[in-house]
Amino acid sequence: MRIGITSAPTAGGSGSVAEELGKHLAQRGHHIHFVSHRLPFRLREYHENIHMHEVDHSASGSFEYPPYELALAAKMAEVARENALDLFHVHYAIPHAITGFLAQKLLGDRAPKLVTTLHGTDVTLVGQDRSYFEITRFGIQSSDGVTAVSEFLKRTTVEEFEVTVPIEVVTDFVDLRECCPTRAYRDARVFAPKGEAILLHVSNLRPVKRVLDVVRILARVNREVPAVLIVVGEGPERAAAQALARRLGIQERVRFLGRLENAVEVFGAAQVFLLPSEIESFGIEALQAMACGVPVVGSDAGGLPEVVRHAETGFLLPVGDVEGMATRTIELLKDEAHRRQLAGAARRRAEALFGAERIVSEYEQVYERVLDSPARSPRP
């Protein structure tokens, strides 16, 4: 198949999933064309069957703000026409389902089919802002195929938007060859010079991730077990988390590493992964931790229980229960046999349900069903 992929070229979340999907599809012989405003960070090396098309959205005197979405739609249409694409696979309803729809209209009868994957923020945050509600719903309804990364997100989309198109659940995934327990910093003293336990948090550091709770958990853990915290990512809560660490007197025990192109080695160095989010549509970072054999302590919210099995691959507690999460973390750090038991179960669950080979095949099946289905008009 000839497949166009459009996503945000970011270092985490939907961007990394889209890029990894494209790489695995290319390895299977499909011709993949990425269309975005910059080169995705995981595609900086040459990959056979992968082509990159950058959108020129430079400022023009005619516009106060460059209309990126229109430039993207035009570029998607151009790439589809010149490369005879069979379908577009876009990630996020806003704006990419809309740009895909516009590209289809530009191409008329020669247009590729459009598959939209919902990752969460487009539904749980952007879509519920009333100013974006109708356009988000239209983008979902106009797609020839729609997937969501969790049952939770599927239910939320149907309930909030009252969509009538079928939504298939195709989860996020990990490359089990890359995310594995043996991929770790060989010398943990880089992070824990005195042999402290290592806790890890990876996210975009937005308020919904409750990064301040992560710092509070570390403070509570340190009353009983010497530990350090590694925070990977950038976002608006970083400064507040650093300030809280200073107020609690634990700033020397927190390492903010910023964005990392590949955090796998950091995952492998940790004993416990912390994800106390307000809500998670799926929890790709938790899955990466599990694949690396790291138990997860997080919140029982959104789609995270579909990834982490409570008391089997980690522990899930109510949102905001810092004391409970700290208690469970301490329990794992004090009982190495129990921690290893959960670590092994976490890896096995990742292998059984969320490996790339399995999930990429599910996407191929979605593509085939969409291509075999008749074209349809957008529903109101």
Protein backbone atom coordinates (compact mmCIF):
# COMPACT_ATOMS: atom_id res chain seq x y z
CA MET A 1 0.00 0.00 0.00
CA ARG A 2 0.94 3.63 -0.49
CA ILE A 3 0.14 5.41 2.74
CA GLY A 4 0.37 9.06 3.72
CA ILE A 5 0.87 9.75 7.44
CA THR A 6 0.29 13.11 9.08
CA SER A 7 0.90 13.76 12.76
CA ALA A 8 2.55 16.24 15.07
CA PRO A 9 6.34 15.66 14.73
CA THR A 10 6.80 15.57 18.49
CA ALA A 11 9.10 13.58 20.74
CA GLY A 12 6.33 11.77 22.56
CA GLY A 13 2.75 10.56 22.50
CA SER A 14 0.94 10.46 19.17
CA GLY A 15 3.95 11.72 17.23
CA SER A 16 6.25 8.92 18.31
CA VAL A 17 3.54 6.30 17.77
CA ALA A 18 2.84 7.58 14.25
CA GLU A 19 6.53 7.62 13.39
CA GLU A 20 7.13 4.12 14.74
CA LEU A 21 4.05 2.88 12.87
CA GLY A 22 5.42 4.32 9.64
CA LYS A 23 8.80 2.66 10.19
CA HIS A 24 7.24 -0.75 10.82
CA LEU A 25 4.90 -0.43 7.84
CA ALA A 26 7.87 0.47 5.64
CA GLN A 27 9.75 -2.59 6.86
CA ARG A 28 6.78 -4.65 5.68
CA GLY A 29 7.12 -3.24 2.17
CA HIS A 30 4.52 -0.45 2.26
CA HIS A 31 5.46 2.93 0.80
CA ILE A 32 5.12 5.57 3.53
CA HIS A 33 4.91 9.32 2.92
CA PHE A 34 5.10 11.58 5.98
CA VAL A 35 3.61 15.04 5.52
CA SER A 36 4.39 17.57 8.24
CA HIS A 37 5.99 20.94 8.91
CA ARG A 38 9.28 19.38 9.98
CA LEU A 39 11.15 16.10 9.91
CA PRO A 40 9.88 13.73 12.64
CA PHE A 41 12.63 13.23 15.21
CA ARG A 42 12.67 9.42 14.87
CA LEU A 43 13.19 9.60 11.10
CA ARG A 44 16.44 11.50 10.90
CA GLU A 45 18.23 8.48 9.47
CA TYR A 46 17.52 6.99 6.07
CA HIS A 47 14.75 4.39 6.04
CA GLU A 48 13.89 2.42 2.93
CA ASN A 49 10.33 3.03 1.67
CA ILE A 50 9.92 6.18 3.80
CA HIS A 51 9.61 9.60 2.19
CA MET A 52 9.33 12.97 3.93
CA HIS A 53 7.37 15.93 2.56
CA GLU A 54 7.74 19.18 4.47
CA VAL A 55 5.01 21.82 4.44
CA ASP A 56 6.07 25.35 3.60
CA HIS A 57 3.98 27.64 5.81
CA SER A 58 6.21 30.68 5.85
CA ALA A 59 4.62 34.02 6.63
CA SER A 60 2.96 35.99 3.88
CA GLY A 61 2.07 39.67 3.84
CA SER A 62 -1.52 38.69 3.06
CA PHE A 63 -2.06 37.00 6.42
CA GLU A 64 -1.56 38.13 10.00
CA TYR A 65 -0.96 34.46 10.88
CA PRO A 66 0.25 31.90 8.31
CA PRO A 67 -2.65 29.48 7.59
CA TYR A 68 -0.74 26.27 8.33
CA GLU A 69 -3.77 23.98 8.10
CA LEU A 70 -4.54 25.15 4.57
CA ALA A 71 -0.90 24.73 3.54
CA LEU A 72 -0.92 21.24 5.06
CA ALA A 73 -4.12 20.24 3.23
CA ALA A 74 -2.69 21.47 -0.06
CA LYS A 75 0.56 19.57 0.53
CA MET A 76 -1.31 16.38 1.45
CA ALA A 77 -3.28 16.64 -1.80
CA GLU A 78 -0.10 17.26 -3.79
CA VAL A 79 1.68 14.26 -2.24
CA ALA A 80 -1.33 12.03 -2.77
CA ARG A 81 -1.65 13.04 -6.43
CA GLU A 82 2.04 12.69 -7.26
CA ASN A 83 2.51 9.37 -5.43
CA ALA A 84 -0.88 7.72 -6.09
CA LEU A 85 -1.57 7.23 -2.40
CA ASP A 86 -4.14 4.65 -1.39
CA LEU A 87 -5.00 6.29 1.92
CA PHE A 88 -4.13 8.94 4.44
CA HIS A 89 -3.63 7.93 8.07
CA VAL A 90 -3.89 11.04 10.23
CA HIS A 91 -3.32 11.27 13.96
CA TYR A 92 -5.64 13.59 15.92
CA ALA A 93 -9.01 14.74 14.71
CA ILE A 94 -7.95 18.37 15.09
CA PRO A 95 -6.50 19.56 12.84
CA HIS A 96 -5.44 16.53 10.84
CA ALA A 97 -8.79 14.89 10.10
CA ILE A 98 -9.93 18.26 8.76
CA THR A 99 -6.85 18.75 6.61
CA GLY A 100 -7.28 15.20 5.33
CA PHE A 101 -10.90 15.92 4.44
CA LEU A 102 -9.89 19.10 2.59
CA ALA A 103 -7.20 17.20 0.69
CA GLN A 104 -9.78 14.62 -0.34
CA LYS A 105 -12.07 17.36 -1.67
CA LEU A 106 -9.20 18.88 -3.64
CA LEU A 107 -8.58 15.51 -5.32
CA GLY A 108 -12.19 14.57 -6.01
CA ASP A 109 -12.70 11.02 -7.30
CA ARG A 110 -8.96 10.32 -7.14
CA ALA A 111 -8.78 10.98 -3.41
CA PRO A 112 -7.26 8.40 -1.05
CA LYS A 113 -9.37 7.06 1.80
CA LEU A 114 -8.96 8.76 5.19
CA VAL A 115 -8.24 6.93 8.46
CA THR A 116 -8.19 9.02 11.65
CA THR A 117 -6.66 7.83 14.92
CA LEU A 118 -7.86 9.50 18.11
CA HIS A 119 -5.15 9.73 20.74
CA GLY A 120 -6.94 11.60 23.50
CA THR A 121 -6.24 15.31 23.72
CA ASP A 122 -8.25 15.97 20.58
CA VAL A 123 -11.27 14.42 22.33
CA THR A 124 -10.79 14.91 26.07
CA LEU A 125 -9.51 18.49 25.94
CA VAL A 126 -9.72 20.24 22.58
CA GLY A 127 -12.91 18.55 21.46
CA GLN A 128 -14.82 19.50 24.59
CA ASP A 129 -14.01 23.18 24.17
CA ARG A 130 -17.29 24.26 22.60
CA SER A 131 -15.52 26.45 20.07
CA TYR A 132 -13.94 23.30 18.58
CA PHE A 133 -16.77 20.86 19.25
CA GLU A 134 -18.53 20.96 15.89
CA ILE A 135 -15.37 20.91 13.79
CA THR A 136 -13.94 18.00 15.83
CA ARG A 137 -17.15 16.03 15.43
CA PHE A 138 -17.19 16.80 11.70
CA GLY A 139 -13.62 15.56 11.32
CA ILE A 140 -14.44 12.28 13.03
CA GLN A 141 -17.67 11.78 11.10
CA SER A 142 -16.01 12.60 7.77
CA SER A 143 -13.31 9.93 8.11
CA ASP A 144 -13.60 6.67 6.19
CA GLY A 145 -12.21 4.81 9.20
CA VAL A 146 -11.71 5.83 12.83
CA THR A 147 -9.58 4.18 15.49
CA ALA A 148 -9.04 5.02 19.15
CA VAL A 149 -6.14 3.93 21.34
CA SER A 150 -8.31 2.60 24.20
CA GLU A 151 -11.82 1.45 25.05
CA PHE A 152 -12.02 4.40 27.41
CA LEU A 153 -11.32 6.86 24.60
CA LYS A 154 -13.80 5.13 22.31
CA ARG A 155 -16.55 5.39 24.95
CA THR A 156 -15.70 9.02 25.67
CA THR A 157 -15.81 9.93 21.98
CA VAL A 158 -19.19 8.27 21.42
CA GLU A 159 -20.70 9.80 24.56
CA GLU A 160 -19.34 13.33 24.14
CA PHE A 161 -19.73 13.71 20.39
CA GLU A 162 -22.61 11.32 19.70
CA VAL A 163 -20.76 10.06 16.64
CA THR A 164 -22.40 7.40 14.51
CA VAL A 165 -19.34 6.14 12.63
CA PRO A 166 -17.86 2.89 13.96
CA ILE A 167 -14.70 3.29 16.02
CA GLU A 168 -12.19 0.47 16.28
CA VAL A 169 -9.82 0.18 19.22
CA VAL A 170 -6.22 -0.24 18.12
CA THR A 171 -3.92 0.39 21.05
CA ASP A 172 -0.56 2.09 21.16
CA PHE A 173 2.42 -0.25 20.96
CA VAL A 174 6.12 -0.64 21.65
CA ASP A 175 8.98 -2.19 19.75
CA LEU A 176 9.86 -5.01 22.13
CA ARG A 177 13.36 -5.21 20.70
CA GLU A 178 14.04 -1.60 21.65
CA CYS A 179 12.02 -1.41 24.88
CA CYS A 180 13.43 -4.24 26.95
CA PRO A 181 14.92 -4.80 30.41
CA THR A 182 18.47 -5.13 29.06
CA ARG A 183 18.46 -1.60 27.61
CA ALA A 184 19.61 0.41 30.62
CA TYR A 185 22.43 2.68 31.68
CA ARG A 186 25.18 0.31 32.72
CA ASP A 187 26.20 2.50 35.64
CA ALA A 188 23.17 3.61 37.67
CA ARG A 189 25.48 5.82 39.73
CA VAL A 190 25.06 8.40 36.97
CA PHE A 191 21.65 9.03 38.53
CA ALA A 192 22.05 7.53 42.01
CA PRO A 193 25.64 8.09 43.15
CA LYS A 194 25.00 6.64 46.61
CA GLY A 195 23.04 3.63 45.43
CA GLU A 196 19.63 5.21 45.96
CA ALA A 197 16.50 3.75 44.42
CA ILE A 198 15.56 5.39 41.11
CA LEU A 199 12.02 6.63 40.44
CA LEU A 200 11.11 7.81 36.95
CA HIS A 201 8.48 10.07 35.41
CA VAL A 202 8.23 10.77 31.66
CA SER A 203 5.64 13.14 30.19
CA ASN A 204 5.03 16.51 28.55
CA LEU A 205 4.81 18.03 32.05
CA ARG A 206 1.36 19.50 31.54
CA PRO A 207 -0.94 20.04 34.57
CA VAL A 208 -2.97 16.94 33.65
CA LYS A 209 0.14 14.83 34.37
CA ARG A 210 0.18 16.05 38.02
CA VAL A 211 3.95 16.43 38.07
CA LEU A 212 3.79 18.09 41.49
CA ASP A 213 2.35 14.85 42.86
CA VAL A 214 5.40 13.04 41.50
CA VAL A 215 7.66 15.34 43.54
CA ARG A 216 5.48 14.88 46.64
CA ILE A 217 5.67 11.09 46.24
CA LEU A 218 9.46 11.30 46.18
CA ALA A 219 9.48 13.40 49.34
CA ARG A 220 7.28 10.85 51.13
CA VAL A 221 9.33 7.88 49.87
CA ASN A 222 12.56 9.46 51.11
CA ARG A 223 11.34 9.33 54.69
CA GLU A 224 11.78 5.56 54.55
CA VAL A 225 13.90 4.69 51.51
CA PRO A 226 16.71 6.77 49.99
CA ALA A 227 15.58 7.53 46.44
CA VAL A 228 16.12 9.90 43.54
CA LEU A 229 13.68 11.03 40.88
CA ILE A 230 14.40 11.35 37.17
CA VAL A 231 12.00 13.55 35.20
CA VAL A 232 12.14 13.32 31.40
CA GLY A 233 10.25 15.86 29.31
CA GLU A 234 9.52 19.56 29.03
CA GLY A 235 6.37 21.50 29.73
CA PRO A 236 4.63 24.23 31.71
CA GLU A 237 4.83 22.42 35.06
CA ARG A 238 8.60 22.03 35.12
CA ALA A 239 9.28 25.33 36.92
CA ALA A 240 6.58 24.65 39.51
CA ALA A 241 7.94 21.14 40.13
CA GLN A 242 11.46 22.49 40.59
CA ALA A 243 10.18 25.13 43.01
CA LEU A 244 8.27 22.49 45.00
CA ALA A 245 11.36 20.29 45.21
CA ARG A 246 13.29 23.25 46.63
CA ARG A 247 10.57 23.98 49.21
CA LEU A 248 10.56 20.35 50.28
CA GLY A 249 14.35 20.29 50.54
CA ILE A 250 14.79 17.50 47.99
CA GLN A 251 16.03 19.49 44.98
CA GLU A 252 19.31 17.56 45.02
CA ARG A 253 17.36 14.33 44.61
CA VAL A 254 15.47 15.38 41.46
CA ARG A 255 17.09 15.34 38.01
CA PHE A 256 15.23 17.12 35.19
CA LEU A 257 16.68 15.76 31.95
CA GLY A 258 14.46 17.67 29.52
CA ARG A 259 13.40 16.06 26.25
CA LEU A 260 15.24 12.93 25.17
CA GLU A 261 14.92 11.49 21.69
CA ASN A 262 15.11 7.98 23.12
CA ALA A 263 14.48 7.50 26.83
CA VAL A 264 14.64 3.69 26.76
CA GLU A 265 17.94 3.50 28.60
CA VAL A 266 16.55 5.72 31.36
CA PHE A 267 13.48 3.49 31.68
CA GLY A 268 15.68 0.48 32.19
CA ALA A 269 17.62 2.14 35.01
CA ALA A 270 14.52 2.80 37.15
CA GLN A 271 12.96 0.64 39.84
CA VAL A 272 9.49 2.25 39.74
CA PHE A 273 7.71 4.39 37.13
CA LEU A 274 5.33 7.07 38.44
CA LEU A 275 2.31 8.26 36.43
CA PRO A 276 -0.25 9.93 38.75
CA SER A 277 -2.11 11.69 35.92
CA GLU A 278 -5.52 13.30 36.19
CA ILE A 279 -6.44 11.23 33.15
CA GLU A 280 -4.68 9.09 30.54
CA SER A 281 -6.30 8.11 27.26
CA PHE A 282 -3.88 5.18 27.09
CA GLY A 283 -0.56 5.71 28.86
CA ILE A 284 2.20 5.03 26.32
CA GLU A 285 4.89 5.95 28.85
CA ALA A 286 3.50 3.36 31.28
CA LEU A 287 3.62 0.75 28.51
CA GLN A 288 7.23 1.63 27.72
CA ALA A 289 8.10 1.21 31.38
CA MET A 290 6.36 -2.17 31.53
CA ALA A 291 8.17 -3.36 28.40
CA CYS A 292 11.44 -2.43 30.15
CA GLY A 293 10.43 -4.49 33.17
CA VAL A 294 9.57 -1.55 35.42
CA PRO A 295 6.42 -1.68 37.61
CA VAL A 296 4.08 1.31 37.33
CA VAL A 297 2.51 3.23 40.22
CA GLY A 298 -0.15 5.58 38.91
CA SER A 299 -3.73 6.72 38.91
CA ASP A 300 -6.80 4.61 38.28
CA ALA A 301 -8.04 6.97 35.59
CA GLY A 302 -9.02 6.89 31.94
CA GLY A 303 -7.43 4.19 29.83
CA LEU A 304 -4.50 3.47 32.14
CA PRO A 305 -6.22 0.42 33.75
CA GLU A 306 -6.34 -1.12 30.26
CA VAL A 307 -2.54 -1.03 30.23
CA VAL A 308 -1.52 -1.56 33.87
CA ARG A 309 -3.09 -4.42 35.83
CA HIS A 310 -3.50 -3.37 39.46
CA ALA A 311 -1.43 -5.51 41.87
CA GLU A 312 -0.15 -7.54 38.89
CA THR A 313 2.05 -5.20 36.85
CA GLY A 314 1.94 -2.24 39.22
CA PHE A 315 -0.50 -0.34 41.40
CA LEU A 316 -3.30 2.07 40.48
CA LEU A 317 -4.82 4.39 43.07
CA PRO A 318 -7.32 7.28 43.03
CA VAL A 319 -6.19 10.52 41.43
CA GLY A 320 -4.44 12.69 44.00
CA ASP A 321 -3.75 9.88 46.47
CA VAL A 322 -0.11 10.83 47.01
CA GLU A 323 0.13 8.96 50.29
CA GLY A 324 -1.24 5.76 48.77
CA MET A 325 1.07 5.94 45.76
CA ALA A 326 4.06 6.63 47.99
CA THR A 327 3.13 3.71 50.24
CA ARG A 328 2.97 1.34 47.28
CA THR A 329 6.27 2.65 45.94
CA ILE A 330 7.93 2.12 49.30
CA GLU A 331 6.49 -1.39 49.41
CA LEU A 332 8.11 -2.23 46.07
CA LEU A 333 11.44 -0.69 47.01
CA LYS A 334 11.59 -2.59 50.30
CA ASP A 335 10.51 -5.93 48.85
CA GLU A 336 12.82 -6.68 45.93
CA ALA A 337 11.27 -10.11 45.29
CA HIS A 338 7.80 -8.58 44.95
CA ARG A 339 9.13 -5.82 42.71
CA ARG A 340 10.82 -8.35 40.44
CA GLN A 341 7.60 -10.38 40.31
CA LEU A 342 5.64 -7.35 39.11
CA ALA A 343 8.45 -6.38 36.74
CA GLY A 344 8.35 -9.79 35.05
CA ALA A 345 4.57 -9.69 34.78
CA ALA A 346 4.76 -6.20 33.30
CA ARG A 347 7.14 -7.34 30.57
CA ARG A 348 5.02 -10.40 29.79
CA ARG A 349 1.86 -8.30 29.48
CA ALA A 350 3.62 -5.92 27.11
CA GLU A 351 4.80 -8.85 25.01
CA ALA A 352 1.39 -10.53 24.93
CA LEU A 353 -0.78 -7.51 24.09
CA PHE A 354 1.17 -4.48 22.96
CA GLY A 355 4.05 -5.58 20.75
CA ALA A 356 4.61 -3.76 17.47
CA GLU A 357 4.17 -6.85 15.31
CA ARG A 358 0.69 -7.46 16.69
CA ILE A 359 -0.57 -3.87 16.60
CA VAL A 360 0.88 -2.98 13.19
CA SER A 361 -0.95 -6.00 11.77
CA GLU A 362 -4.17 -4.66 13.30
CA TYR A 363 -3.61 -1.36 11.52
CA GLU A 364 -3.03 -3.19 8.23
CA GLN A 365 -6.38 -4.93 8.71
CA VAL A 366 -8.06 -1.55 9.32
CA TYR A 367 -6.53 -0.20 6.10
CA GLU A 368 -7.72 -3.19 4.10
CA ARG A 369 -11.27 -2.89 5.42
CA VAL A 370 -11.37 0.82 4.66
CA LEU A 371 -10.02 0.35 1.14
CA ASP A 372 -12.58 -2.37 0.47
CA SER A 373 -15.47 -0.23 1.71
CA PRO A 374 -17.41 2.15 -0.57
CA ALA A 375 -16.77 5.88 -0.31
CA ARG A 376 -19.27 7.77 1.78
CA SER A 377 -20.33 11.35 2.38
CA PRO A 378 -19.71 13.06 5.72
CA ARG A 379 -22.55 12.72 8.20
CA PRO A 380 -23.98 15.80 9.91
